[in-house]
Protein backbone atom coordinates (compact mmCIF):
# COMPACT_ATOMS: atom_id res chain seq x y z
CA UNK A 1 0.00 0.00 0.00
CA UNK A 2 2.83 2.42 0.83
CA UNK A 3 4.48 1.54 -2.49
CA UNK A 4 1.33 2.56 -4.42
CA UNK A 5 1.10 5.86 -2.53
CA UNK A 6 4.75 6.57 -3.29
CA UNK A 7 4.33 5.86 -7.00
CA UNK A 8 1.14 7.92 -7.11
CA UNK A 9 2.84 10.83 -5.32
CA UNK A 10 5.78 10.77 -7.76
CA UNK A 11 3.44 10.60 -10.77
CA UNK A 12 1.33 13.52 -9.52
CA UNK A 13 4.42 15.62 -8.77
CA UNK A 14 5.84 14.93 -12.25
CA UNK A 15 2.51 15.82 -13.84
CA UNK A 16 2.25 19.07 -11.87
CA UNK A 17 5.78 20.05 -12.88
CA UNK A 18 5.07 19.26 -16.53
CA UNK A 19 1.81 21.22 -16.62
CA UNK A 20 3.24 24.06 -14.58
CA UNK A 21 6.08 24.61 -17.03
CA UNK A 22 3.92 25.15 -20.11
CA UNK A 23 3.55 28.80 -21.16
CA UNK A 24 0.21 30.51 -20.61
CA UNK A 25 -1.22 32.87 -23.24
CA UNK A 26 -3.84 35.17 -21.80
CA UNK A 27 -3.93 37.19 -25.00
CA UNK A 28 -3.36 35.45 -28.33
CA UNK A 29 -0.15 36.50 -30.08
CA UNK A 30 -0.52 39.02 -32.89
CA UNK A 31 -0.37 37.81 -36.47
CA UNK A 32 3.13 37.79 -37.97
CA UNK A 33 4.39 40.46 -40.30
CA UNK A 34 5.00 43.88 -38.83
CA UNK A 35 3.51 46.37 -36.47
CA UNK A 36 -0.17 46.17 -35.58
CA UNK A 37 -2.74 48.48 -34.06
CA UNK A 38 -4.11 46.61 -31.04
CA UNK A 39 -7.77 47.42 -30.41
CA UNK A 40 -9.86 46.37 -27.43
CA UNK A 41 -13.56 46.74 -28.27
CA UNK A 42 -16.16 46.76 -25.48
CA UNK A 43 -19.71 45.55 -26.07
CA UNK A 44 -22.99 45.68 -24.19
CA UNK A 45 -24.90 42.83 -25.83
CA UNK A 46 -24.35 43.34 -29.56
CA UNK A 47 -23.78 47.11 -29.29
CA UNK A 48 -20.26 48.59 -29.36
CA UNK A 49 -19.98 50.91 -26.33
CA UNK A 50 -16.25 51.77 -26.27
CA UNK A 51 -12.77 51.13 -27.62
CA UNK A 52 -9.17 51.41 -26.44
CA UNK A 53 -6.23 51.19 -28.87
CA UNK A 54 -2.44 51.46 -29.07
CA UNK A 55 0.41 50.66 -31.47
CA UNK A 56 1.55 51.75 -34.94
CA UNK A 57 3.91 54.35 -33.35
CA UNK A 58 0.88 56.50 -32.50
CA UNK A 59 -0.29 57.75 -29.09
CA UNK A 60 -2.83 55.45 -27.41
CA UNK A 61 -6.48 56.47 -27.36
CA UNK A 62 -9.89 55.48 -26.10
CA UNK A 63 -13.55 56.44 -26.21
CA UNK A 64 -16.78 55.36 -24.56
CA UNK A 65 -17.38 52.90 -21.75
CA UNK A 66 -14.46 50.56 -21.05
CA UNK A 67 -16.41 47.75 -19.43
CA UNK A 68 -18.50 44.83 -20.60
CA UNK A 69 -17.71 42.04 -23.03
CA UNK A 70 -14.25 42.64 -24.51
CA UNK A 71 -13.02 41.58 -27.93
CA UNK A 72 -9.41 41.96 -29.10
CA UNK A 73 -8.44 42.89 -32.67
CA UNK A 74 -5.03 43.15 -34.38
CA UNK A 75 -5.17 45.56 -37.32
CA UNK A 76 -2.12 46.02 -39.59
CA UNK A 77 -0.79 49.60 -39.70
């Protein structure tokens, strides 16, 4: 019984180390090929209520309400 617990403990520790070492991507990487304007669009239902953007060597900007369902867009410059 102790042998099974030991093997199970080693297997769980190895699995945790393996899963813990994989990179996490909270935001998908931008498409390849140059600079992109990164735009966060905020929706209330189906209606666009605000946007925030940055990139393309321009100053960042925003308008509207910055809360609600968020969608991320990568637009080439």
